[in-house]
Amino acid sequence: MKIFYIPDGHRRYADQVGCSLAAAYRLGYTVLVDELIDPLLAVSEIESVDIFLLSNLNLRRRDDRDMEVLRHEGESLLGKLIEHCRAFASVRTVGSYLDHNVQLAGGSSKLVTLVLGCTTGDDVGCGEVDVFLRSGGEMRLSGAPRTIIGDYTQLYAIDALHPALRFADVQQILERYHHRYVREVPS
């Protein structure tokens, strides 16, 4: 099974709880690791997890202050994320944001792809996914490549803003997907 996830809602979370955008990004990193990546990679049938961290659309519409926070927080957290994931999976970055994308072998046959900078019209090599997840309660691509959406891709919006996401939110969706779409092969 292949999962694509858009972690949405950092700014709204910061406004709701009264923290800085930088604090919301730092919490979002912890949630991404503890509540999404690590638990998903522990599920045997999940082969890969693609995470859409940054769209070109988002880069164009952010003000200078937000971009400074994003660059300051995001770039250091990206390095930590890549190193963390290497213990469990091969890791690659795709998209136009980085000067040089990385592709690193990891500790298993699983793959984590970090998408940084693309538009819906780009083909960044992610391929079609089984389950498309987006936090923040809205269902839209927001610049994620359309090439990930296949004939049988199931699209799910999670109401929780990304920094408030818990694996239980994702697990409920995976159970619904599994019960409805995964059929046993007759012996």
N, C-alpha and C. Protein backbone atom coordinates (compact mmCIF):
# COMPACT_ATOMS: atom_id res chain seq x y z
N MET A 1 0.84 -1.17 0.00
CA MET A 1 0.00 0.00 0.00
C MET A 1 0.89 1.24 0.00
N LYS A 2 0.45 2.24 -0.75
CA LYS A 2 1.19 3.49 -0.86
C LYS A 2 0.33 4.64 -0.35
N ILE A 3 0.90 5.47 0.55
CA ILE A 3 0.20 6.56 1.21
C ILE A 3 0.81 7.89 0.76
N PHE A 4 -0.05 8.89 0.52
CA PHE A 4 0.39 10.27 0.25
C PHE A 4 -0.27 11.15 1.30
N TYR A 5 0.50 12.01 1.94
CA TYR A 5 -0.03 12.84 3.03
C TYR A 5 0.36 14.30 2.86
N ILE A 6 -0.64 15.18 3.04
CA ILE A 6 -0.40 16.62 3.09
C ILE A 6 -0.64 17.10 4.52
N PRO A 7 0.42 17.54 5.20
CA PRO A 7 0.27 18.05 6.57
C PRO A 7 -0.17 19.51 6.55
N ASP A 8 -1.45 19.76 6.66
CA ASP A 8 -1.99 21.11 6.54
C ASP A 8 -2.48 21.63 7.89
N GLY A 9 -2.37 22.94 8.09
CA GLY A 9 -2.99 23.56 9.24
C GLY A 9 -2.05 24.15 10.28
N HIS A 10 -0.77 24.32 9.97
CA HIS A 10 0.16 24.87 10.95
C HIS A 10 -0.21 26.29 11.38
N ARG A 11 -0.50 27.15 10.42
CA ARG A 11 -0.83 28.53 10.75
C ARG A 11 -2.14 28.60 11.53
N ARG A 12 -3.15 27.87 11.10
CA ARG A 12 -4.43 27.86 11.82
C ARG A 12 -4.25 27.33 13.24
N TYR A 13 -3.42 26.29 13.39
CA TYR A 13 -3.14 25.75 14.72
C TYR A 13 -2.50 26.81 15.60
N ALA A 14 -1.49 27.50 15.07
CA ALA A 14 -0.80 28.54 15.84
C ALA A 14 -1.79 29.62 16.30
N ASP A 15 -2.69 30.01 15.39
CA ASP A 15 -3.70 31.01 15.76
C ASP A 15 -4.66 30.49 16.82
N GLN A 16 -5.06 29.23 16.71
CA GLN A 16 -6.03 28.66 17.67
C GLN A 16 -5.47 28.53 19.07
N VAL A 17 -4.22 28.09 19.17
CA VAL A 17 -3.66 27.84 20.51
C VAL A 17 -2.80 28.99 21.02
N GLY A 18 -2.57 30.00 20.17
CA GLY A 18 -1.81 31.16 20.60
C GLY A 18 -0.32 30.95 20.67
N CYS A 19 0.21 30.11 19.80
CA CYS A 19 1.66 29.92 19.75
C CYS A 19 2.21 30.55 18.47
N SER A 20 3.50 30.60 18.35
CA SER A 20 4.11 31.15 17.14
C SER A 20 4.03 30.13 16.01
N LEU A 21 4.17 30.62 14.79
CA LEU A 21 4.21 29.72 13.64
C LEU A 21 5.42 28.79 13.74
N ALA A 22 6.54 29.31 14.23
CA ALA A 22 7.74 28.48 14.41
C ALA A 22 7.45 27.33 15.38
N ALA A 23 6.76 27.62 16.47
CA ALA A 23 6.42 26.56 17.44
C ALA A 23 5.48 25.55 16.80
N ALA A 24 4.54 26.00 15.98
CA ALA A 24 3.64 25.07 15.29
C ALA A 24 4.41 24.17 14.33
N TYR A 25 5.41 24.71 13.63
CA TYR A 25 6.23 23.88 12.74
C TYR A 25 7.04 22.85 13.54
N ARG A 26 7.60 23.27 14.67
CA ARG A 26 8.38 22.32 15.49
C ARG A 26 7.48 21.20 16.01
N LEU A 27 6.30 21.55 16.49
CA LEU A 27 5.35 20.53 16.93
C LEU A 27 4.93 19.67 15.75
N GLY A 28 4.70 20.28 14.60
CA GLY A 28 4.34 19.54 13.40
C GLY A 28 5.38 18.50 13.02
N TYR A 29 6.66 18.83 13.20
CA TYR A 29 7.72 17.86 12.94
C TYR A 29 7.58 16.65 13.87
N THR A 30 7.39 16.91 15.16
CA THR A 30 7.24 15.82 16.12
C THR A 30 6.04 14.95 15.77
N VAL A 31 4.93 15.58 15.42
CA VAL A 31 3.73 14.84 15.03
C VAL A 31 3.99 14.03 13.76
N LEU A 32 4.68 14.61 12.80
CA LEU A 32 4.98 13.91 11.56
C LEU A 32 5.75 12.62 11.82
N VAL A 33 6.72 12.70 12.71
CA VAL A 33 7.53 11.53 13.05
C VAL A 33 6.76 10.55 13.93
N ASP A 34 6.24 11.03 15.06
CA ASP A 34 5.66 10.15 16.08
C ASP A 34 4.26 9.64 15.75
N GLU A 35 3.47 10.45 15.06
CA GLU A 35 2.07 10.10 14.84
C GLU A 35 1.77 9.67 13.40
N LEU A 36 2.75 9.82 12.50
CA LEU A 36 2.48 9.45 11.12
C LEU A 36 3.55 8.51 10.57
N ILE A 37 4.75 8.99 10.41
CA ILE A 37 5.78 8.20 9.72
C ILE A 37 6.11 6.92 10.48
N ASP A 38 6.51 7.01 11.73
CA ASP A 38 6.90 5.81 12.47
C ASP A 38 5.78 4.78 12.55
N PRO A 39 4.55 5.18 12.92
CA PRO A 39 3.48 4.17 12.96
C PRO A 39 3.13 3.60 11.59
N LEU A 40 3.14 4.44 10.55
CA LEU A 40 2.82 3.93 9.21
C LEU A 40 3.88 2.94 8.71
N LEU A 41 5.14 3.25 8.95
CA LEU A 41 6.19 2.35 8.49
C LEU A 41 6.19 1.03 9.27
N ALA A 42 5.56 1.02 10.43
CA ALA A 42 5.45 -0.22 11.21
C ALA A 42 4.34 -1.14 10.69
N VAL A 43 3.47 -0.62 9.83
CA VAL A 43 2.38 -1.42 9.24
C VAL A 43 2.97 -2.21 8.07
N SER A 44 2.89 -3.54 8.14
CA SER A 44 3.58 -4.38 7.17
C SER A 44 3.15 -4.13 5.73
N GLU A 45 1.87 -3.87 5.47
CA GLU A 45 1.42 -3.73 4.08
C GLU A 45 1.72 -2.35 3.49
N ILE A 46 2.21 -1.42 4.27
CA ILE A 46 2.56 -0.10 3.73
C ILE A 46 3.98 -0.14 3.21
N GLU A 47 4.10 0.09 1.91
CA GLU A 47 5.40 0.06 1.22
C GLU A 47 6.08 1.42 1.21
N SER A 48 5.25 2.46 1.04
CA SER A 48 5.85 3.78 0.93
C SER A 48 4.91 4.85 1.47
N VAL A 49 5.54 5.92 1.94
CA VAL A 49 4.83 7.09 2.45
C VAL A 49 5.43 8.31 1.76
N ASP A 50 4.59 9.03 1.03
CA ASP A 50 5.00 10.28 0.39
C ASP A 50 4.41 11.42 1.21
N ILE A 51 5.24 12.42 1.52
CA ILE A 51 4.78 13.54 2.32
C ILE A 51 5.03 14.83 1.55
N PHE A 52 3.95 15.56 1.34
CA PHE A 52 3.99 16.81 0.57
C PHE A 52 4.27 17.96 1.51
N LEU A 53 5.53 18.34 1.62
CA LEU A 53 5.94 19.34 2.60
C LEU A 53 5.80 20.77 2.10
N LEU A 54 5.89 20.98 0.78
CA LEU A 54 5.93 22.35 0.29
C LEU A 54 5.53 22.39 -1.18
N SER A 55 4.58 23.28 -1.50
CA SER A 55 4.18 23.45 -2.90
C SER A 55 4.74 24.76 -3.43
N ASN A 56 4.90 24.84 -4.74
CA ASN A 56 5.33 26.10 -5.34
C ASN A 56 4.27 27.17 -5.14
N LEU A 57 3.00 26.78 -5.14
CA LEU A 57 1.91 27.72 -4.88
C LEU A 57 2.07 28.34 -3.50
N ASN A 58 2.36 27.51 -2.51
CA ASN A 58 2.54 27.99 -1.14
C ASN A 58 3.74 28.94 -1.05
N LEU A 59 4.80 28.63 -1.77
CA LEU A 59 5.98 29.49 -1.77
C LEU A 59 5.65 30.88 -2.33
N ARG A 60 4.83 30.92 -3.36
CA ARG A 60 4.49 32.20 -4.00
C ARG A 60 3.55 33.06 -3.15
N ARG A 61 2.70 32.44 -2.37
CA ARG A 61 1.70 33.25 -1.67
C ARG A 61 2.04 33.56 -0.22
N ARG A 62 3.16 33.11 0.27
CA ARG A 62 3.57 33.44 1.64
C ARG A 62 4.26 34.80 1.67
N ASP A 63 4.06 35.53 2.76
CA ASP A 63 4.75 36.81 2.88
C ASP A 63 6.19 36.55 3.35
N ASP A 64 7.00 37.60 3.32
CA ASP A 64 8.43 37.47 3.65
C ASP A 64 8.66 36.94 5.05
N ARG A 65 7.84 37.37 6.01
CA ARG A 65 8.00 36.92 7.40
C ARG A 65 7.75 35.42 7.51
N ASP A 66 6.66 34.95 6.89
CA ASP A 66 6.35 33.52 6.91
C ASP A 66 7.45 32.71 6.21
N MET A 67 7.98 33.25 5.11
CA MET A 67 9.05 32.53 4.40
C MET A 67 10.31 32.42 5.26
N GLU A 68 10.61 33.46 6.00
CA GLU A 68 11.79 33.41 6.88
C GLU A 68 11.60 32.34 7.96
N VAL A 69 10.42 32.28 8.54
CA VAL A 69 10.13 31.25 9.56
C VAL A 69 10.21 29.87 8.91
N LEU A 70 9.61 29.72 7.75
CA LEU A 70 9.62 28.43 7.06
C LEU A 70 11.05 27.99 6.76
N ARG A 71 11.85 28.89 6.22
CA ARG A 71 13.25 28.53 5.89
C ARG A 71 14.04 28.20 7.16
N HIS A 72 13.91 29.04 8.17
CA HIS A 72 14.69 28.84 9.39
C HIS A 72 14.32 27.53 10.08
N GLU A 73 13.03 27.30 10.27
CA GLU A 73 12.57 26.09 10.95
C GLU A 73 12.62 24.88 10.03
N GLY A 74 12.12 25.06 8.83
CA GLY A 74 11.93 23.93 7.92
C GLY A 74 13.21 23.26 7.48
N GLU A 75 14.21 24.05 7.16
CA GLU A 75 15.43 23.44 6.62
C GLU A 75 16.16 22.61 7.67
N SER A 76 16.22 23.07 8.91
CA SER A 76 16.87 22.25 9.95
C SER A 76 16.03 21.01 10.26
N LEU A 77 14.70 21.17 10.28
CA LEU A 77 13.84 20.03 10.55
C LEU A 77 13.87 19.02 9.41
N LEU A 78 14.05 19.48 8.19
CA LEU A 78 14.15 18.57 7.05
C LEU A 78 15.36 17.65 7.21
N GLY A 79 16.49 18.20 7.59
CA GLY A 79 17.68 17.38 7.81
C GLY A 79 17.46 16.34 8.89
N LYS A 80 16.84 16.74 9.99
CA LYS A 80 16.53 15.79 11.07
C LYS A 80 15.57 14.71 10.59
N LEU A 81 14.58 15.10 9.80
CA LEU A 81 13.59 14.16 9.29
C LEU A 81 14.23 13.12 8.39
N ILE A 82 15.09 13.56 7.50
CA ILE A 82 15.78 12.63 6.60
C ILE A 82 16.60 11.63 7.41
N GLU A 83 17.38 12.11 8.35
CA GLU A 83 18.21 11.21 9.16
C GLU A 83 17.36 10.25 9.98
N HIS A 84 16.26 10.73 10.54
CA HIS A 84 15.38 9.86 11.32
C HIS A 84 14.82 8.73 10.45
N CYS A 85 14.33 9.08 9.29
CA CYS A 85 13.67 8.10 8.41
C CYS A 85 14.63 7.05 7.86
N ARG A 86 15.89 7.40 7.71
CA ARG A 86 16.88 6.45 7.17
C ARG A 86 17.01 5.19 8.00
N ALA A 87 16.68 5.26 9.27
CA ALA A 87 16.76 4.06 10.12
C ALA A 87 15.68 3.05 9.76
N PHE A 88 14.60 3.50 9.12
CA PHE A 88 13.46 2.63 8.83
C PHE A 88 13.19 2.42 7.35
N ALA A 89 13.74 3.30 6.51
CA ALA A 89 13.36 3.27 5.09
C ALA A 89 14.40 3.97 4.25
N SER A 90 14.33 3.74 2.96
CA SER A 90 15.07 4.58 2.03
C SER A 90 14.35 5.92 1.99
N VAL A 91 15.11 6.98 1.75
CA VAL A 91 14.54 8.33 1.77
C VAL A 91 14.98 9.04 0.50
N ARG A 92 14.01 9.76 -0.09
CA ARG A 92 14.37 10.61 -1.22
C ARG A 92 13.58 11.90 -1.14
N THR A 93 14.15 12.94 -1.72
CA THR A 93 13.43 14.19 -1.88
C THR A 93 13.19 14.37 -3.37
N VAL A 94 12.06 14.96 -3.69
CA VAL A 94 11.72 15.28 -5.08
C VAL A 94 11.13 16.68 -5.12
N GLY A 95 11.15 17.28 -6.29
CA GLY A 95 10.60 18.61 -6.46
C GLY A 95 11.69 19.62 -6.75
N SER A 96 11.29 20.87 -6.87
CA SER A 96 12.18 21.93 -7.33
C SER A 96 12.74 22.82 -6.21
N TYR A 97 12.38 22.60 -4.97
CA TYR A 97 12.80 23.50 -3.89
C TYR A 97 14.29 23.39 -3.56
N LEU A 98 14.78 22.17 -3.46
CA LEU A 98 16.20 21.98 -3.11
C LEU A 98 17.07 22.10 -4.36
N ASP A 99 18.28 22.61 -4.18
CA ASP A 99 19.21 22.67 -5.31
C ASP A 99 19.57 21.27 -5.79
N HIS A 100 19.69 20.34 -4.85
CA HIS A 100 20.03 18.95 -5.17
C HIS A 100 19.15 18.04 -4.32
N ASN A 101 18.33 17.24 -4.98
CA ASN A 101 17.51 16.28 -4.25
C ASN A 101 18.39 15.12 -3.79
N VAL A 102 17.95 14.45 -2.74
CA VAL A 102 18.71 13.34 -2.19
C VAL A 102 17.98 12.02 -2.43
N GLN A 103 18.75 10.98 -2.49
CA GLN A 103 18.23 9.62 -2.54
C GLN A 103 19.18 8.77 -1.72
N LEU A 104 18.67 8.30 -0.57
CA LEU A 104 19.51 7.59 0.38
C LEU A 104 18.92 6.22 0.70
N ALA A 105 19.76 5.21 0.64
CA ALA A 105 19.32 3.87 1.02
C ALA A 105 19.13 3.83 2.53
N GLY A 106 18.14 3.04 2.94
CA GLY A 106 17.83 2.97 4.36
C GLY A 106 17.80 1.56 4.88
N GLY A 107 17.16 1.41 6.06
CA GLY A 107 17.18 0.16 6.79
C GLY A 107 16.17 -0.89 6.37
N SER A 108 15.39 -0.66 5.31
CA SER A 108 14.42 -1.66 4.87
C SER A 108 14.02 -1.39 3.43
N SER A 109 13.09 -2.18 2.93
CA SER A 109 12.61 -1.99 1.55
C SER A 109 11.56 -0.88 1.47
N LYS A 110 11.19 -0.29 2.57
CA LYS A 110 10.19 0.78 2.57
C LYS A 110 10.82 2.09 2.08
N LEU A 111 9.95 3.00 1.62
CA LEU A 111 10.42 4.26 1.04
C LEU A 111 9.63 5.43 1.61
N VAL A 112 10.35 6.49 2.00
CA VAL A 112 9.74 7.76 2.37
C VAL A 112 10.19 8.77 1.32
N THR A 113 9.21 9.41 0.67
CA THR A 113 9.49 10.45 -0.30
C THR A 113 8.99 11.77 0.25
N LEU A 114 9.88 12.75 0.28
CA LEU A 114 9.54 14.09 0.76
C LEU A 114 9.44 15.00 -0.45
N VAL A 115 8.25 15.53 -0.70
CA VAL A 115 7.98 16.36 -1.86
C VAL A 115 8.13 17.82 -1.45
N LEU A 116 9.06 18.51 -2.12
CA LEU A 116 9.38 19.90 -1.78
C LEU A 116 9.43 20.74 -3.05
N GLY A 117 8.34 21.41 -3.35
CA GLY A 117 8.31 22.31 -4.49
C GLY A 117 7.85 21.65 -5.76
N CYS A 118 6.56 21.76 -6.04
CA CYS A 118 6.03 21.30 -7.31
C CYS A 118 4.65 21.93 -7.51
N THR A 119 4.09 21.71 -8.68
CA THR A 119 2.74 22.16 -8.99
C THR A 119 1.92 20.94 -9.36
N THR A 120 0.61 21.11 -9.48
CA THR A 120 -0.25 19.98 -9.82
C THR A 120 0.10 19.39 -11.17
N GLY A 121 0.68 20.17 -12.06
CA GLY A 121 1.03 19.68 -13.39
C GLY A 121 2.36 18.95 -13.46
N ASP A 122 3.14 18.96 -12.40
CA ASP A 122 4.46 18.32 -12.41
C ASP A 122 4.33 16.81 -12.19
N ASP A 123 5.25 16.09 -12.78
CA ASP A 123 5.40 14.67 -12.48
C ASP A 123 6.74 14.53 -11.78
N VAL A 124 6.70 14.40 -10.47
CA VAL A 124 7.94 14.34 -9.68
C VAL A 124 8.35 12.90 -9.38
N GLY A 125 7.66 11.95 -10.00
CA GLY A 125 8.04 10.56 -9.84
C GLY A 125 7.46 9.86 -8.64
N CYS A 126 6.39 10.38 -8.08
CA CYS A 126 5.78 9.70 -6.93
C CYS A 126 4.87 8.55 -7.36
N GLY A 127 4.25 8.64 -8.51
CA GLY A 127 3.36 7.58 -8.96
C GLY A 127 2.04 7.58 -8.22
N GLU A 128 1.13 6.74 -8.69
CA GLU A 128 -0.21 6.67 -8.10
C GLU A 128 -0.17 6.07 -6.70
N VAL A 129 -1.03 6.60 -5.84
CA VAL A 129 -1.10 6.14 -4.46
C VAL A 129 -2.43 5.44 -4.21
N ASP A 130 -2.46 4.63 -3.17
CA ASP A 130 -3.70 3.96 -2.77
C ASP A 130 -4.55 4.87 -1.91
N VAL A 131 -3.91 5.58 -0.98
CA VAL A 131 -4.62 6.42 -0.02
C VAL A 131 -3.98 7.80 -0.01
N PHE A 132 -4.81 8.82 -0.24
CA PHE A 132 -4.40 10.22 -0.19
C PHE A 132 -5.01 10.80 1.08
N LEU A 133 -4.17 11.30 1.98
CA LEU A 133 -4.61 11.87 3.25
C LEU A 133 -4.23 13.35 3.31
N ARG A 134 -5.11 14.13 3.87
CA ARG A 134 -4.81 15.54 4.09
C ARG A 134 -5.41 15.95 5.42
N SER A 135 -4.59 16.53 6.28
CA SER A 135 -5.11 17.07 7.53
C SER A 135 -5.69 18.45 7.27
N GLY A 136 -6.33 19.01 8.28
CA GLY A 136 -6.86 20.36 8.17
C GLY A 136 -8.31 20.44 7.72
N GLY A 137 -8.94 19.28 7.43
CA GLY A 137 -10.36 19.25 7.14
C GLY A 137 -10.78 19.60 5.73
N GLU A 138 -9.86 19.93 4.86
CA GLU A 138 -10.20 20.29 3.49
C GLU A 138 -9.63 19.27 2.52
N MET A 139 -10.39 19.00 1.45
CA MET A 139 -9.91 18.06 0.45
C MET A 139 -9.56 18.84 -0.81
N ARG A 140 -8.27 19.03 -1.01
CA ARG A 140 -7.76 19.67 -2.22
C ARG A 140 -6.30 19.27 -2.39
N LEU A 141 -5.79 19.43 -3.60
CA LEU A 141 -4.42 19.05 -3.89
C LEU A 141 -3.40 20.10 -3.44
N SER A 142 -3.76 21.38 -3.49
CA SER A 142 -2.86 22.47 -3.06
C SER A 142 -1.49 22.41 -3.72
N GLY A 143 -1.44 22.03 -4.96
CA GLY A 143 -0.17 21.98 -5.67
C GLY A 143 0.47 20.61 -5.70
N ALA A 144 -0.10 19.63 -5.02
CA ALA A 144 0.44 18.27 -5.09
C ALA A 144 0.26 17.75 -6.52
N PRO A 145 1.17 16.94 -7.00
CA PRO A 145 1.08 16.49 -8.40
C PRO A 145 -0.14 15.61 -8.65
N ARG A 146 -0.87 15.91 -9.71
CA ARG A 146 -2.05 15.11 -10.08
C ARG A 146 -1.68 13.68 -10.43
N THR A 147 -0.43 13.44 -10.78
CA THR A 147 -0.02 12.09 -11.18
C THR A 147 -0.12 11.08 -10.05
N ILE A 148 -0.31 11.54 -8.82
CA ILE A 148 -0.45 10.61 -7.69
C ILE A 148 -1.84 10.01 -7.62
N ILE A 149 -2.81 10.66 -8.26
CA ILE A 149 -4.20 10.23 -8.19
C ILE A 149 -4.48 9.22 -9.30
N GLY A 150 -4.76 7.99 -8.90
CA GLY A 150 -5.07 6.93 -9.85
C GLY A 150 -6.55 6.63 -9.87
N ASP A 151 -6.94 5.69 -10.69
CA ASP A 151 -8.35 5.31 -10.81
C ASP A 151 -8.95 4.85 -9.49
N TYR A 152 -8.17 4.24 -8.64
CA TYR A 152 -8.68 3.70 -7.38
C TYR A 152 -8.12 4.37 -6.14
N THR A 153 -7.48 5.51 -6.30
CA THR A 153 -6.97 6.24 -5.15
C THR A 153 -8.15 6.70 -4.29
N GLN A 154 -8.07 6.43 -3.01
CA GLN A 154 -9.10 6.87 -2.07
C GLN A 154 -8.62 8.16 -1.40
N LEU A 155 -9.48 9.18 -1.42
CA LEU A 155 -9.14 10.49 -0.90
C LEU A 155 -9.84 10.71 0.44
N TYR A 156 -9.06 11.11 1.44
CA TYR A 156 -9.61 11.31 2.79
C TYR A 156 -9.11 12.62 3.37
N ALA A 157 -10.03 13.40 3.93
CA ALA A 157 -9.68 14.60 4.68
C ALA A 157 -9.79 14.27 6.16
N ILE A 158 -8.78 14.64 6.91
CA ILE A 158 -8.76 14.47 8.35
C ILE A 158 -9.06 15.83 8.96
N ASP A 159 -10.03 15.91 9.85
CA ASP A 159 -10.42 17.20 10.43
C ASP A 159 -9.31 17.85 11.25
N ALA A 160 -8.50 17.07 11.93
CA ALA A 160 -7.46 17.62 12.81
C ALA A 160 -6.46 18.43 11.99
N LEU A 161 -6.06 19.57 12.56
CA LEU A 161 -4.94 20.32 11.97
C LEU A 161 -3.68 19.51 12.22
N HIS A 162 -2.71 19.61 11.30
CA HIS A 162 -1.55 18.72 11.41
C HIS A 162 -0.89 18.68 12.79
N PRO A 163 -0.60 19.81 13.43
CA PRO A 163 0.05 19.72 14.74
C PRO A 163 -0.78 19.00 15.81
N ALA A 164 -2.08 18.84 15.56
CA ALA A 164 -2.95 18.13 16.52
C ALA A 164 -3.28 16.71 16.06
N LEU A 165 -2.71 16.28 14.96
CA LEU A 165 -2.99 14.94 14.41
C LEU A 165 -2.50 13.85 15.36
N ARG A 166 -3.26 12.79 15.46
CA ARG A 166 -2.86 11.59 16.20
C ARG A 166 -2.99 10.40 15.28
N PHE A 167 -2.16 9.39 15.52
CA PHE A 167 -2.19 8.22 14.64
C PHE A 167 -3.57 7.57 14.62
N ALA A 168 -4.32 7.69 15.71
CA ALA A 168 -5.67 7.12 15.74
C ALA A 168 -6.53 7.70 14.61
N ASP A 169 -6.33 8.99 14.25
CA ASP A 169 -7.05 9.59 13.13
C ASP A 169 -6.74 8.87 11.83
N VAL A 170 -5.47 8.57 11.63
CA VAL A 170 -5.01 7.89 10.41
C VAL A 170 -5.44 6.43 10.44
N GLN A 171 -5.32 5.82 11.59
CA GLN A 171 -5.66 4.40 11.72
C GLN A 171 -7.14 4.14 11.39
N GLN A 172 -8.02 5.03 11.79
CA GLN A 172 -9.45 4.88 11.45
C GLN A 172 -9.64 4.87 9.94
N ILE A 173 -8.94 5.75 9.26
CA ILE A 173 -9.05 5.80 7.80
C ILE A 173 -8.48 4.53 7.17
N LEU A 174 -7.35 4.08 7.64
CA LEU A 174 -6.76 2.86 7.09
C LEU A 174 -7.67 1.65 7.32
N GLU A 175 -8.32 1.59 8.46
CA GLU A 175 -9.27 0.50 8.72
C GLU A 175 -10.46 0.57 7.78
N ARG A 176 -11.00 1.77 7.57
CA ARG A 176 -12.10 1.94 6.60
C ARG A 176 -11.67 1.53 5.21
N TYR A 177 -10.48 1.96 4.81
CA TYR A 177 -9.95 1.61 3.49
C TYR A 177 -9.79 0.09 3.38
N HIS A 178 -9.20 -0.50 4.39
CA HIS A 178 -8.94 -1.93 4.37
C HIS A 178 -10.24 -2.74 4.29
N HIS A 179 -11.21 -2.39 5.10
CA HIS A 179 -12.48 -3.13 5.09
C HIS A 179 -13.25 -2.97 3.79
N ARG A 180 -13.12 -1.83 3.18
CA ARG A 180 -13.90 -1.58 1.97
C ARG A 180 -13.19 -2.00 0.69
N TYR A 181 -11.88 -1.83 0.62
CA TYR A 181 -11.19 -1.98 -0.65
C TYR A 181 -10.18 -3.10 -0.74
N VAL A 182 -9.76 -3.64 0.37
CA VAL A 182 -8.78 -4.72 0.32
C VAL A 182 -9.52 -6.03 0.42
N ARG A 183 -9.42 -6.79 -0.63
CA ARG A 183 -10.14 -8.07 -0.66
C ARG A 183 -9.14 -9.21 -0.57
N GLU A 184 -9.56 -10.23 0.15
CA GLU A 184 -8.72 -11.43 0.27
C GLU A 184 -8.73 -12.18 -1.06
N VAL A 185 -7.59 -12.68 -1.44
CA VAL A 185 -7.49 -13.49 -2.65
C VAL A 185 -7.92 -14.92 -2.28
N PRO A 186 -8.92 -15.49 -3.03
CA PRO A 186 -9.36 -16.84 -2.70
C PRO A 186 -8.22 -17.84 -2.89
N SER A 187 -8.18 -18.85 -2.00
CA SER A 187 -7.12 -19.85 -2.11
C SER A 187 -7.56 -21.04 -2.91
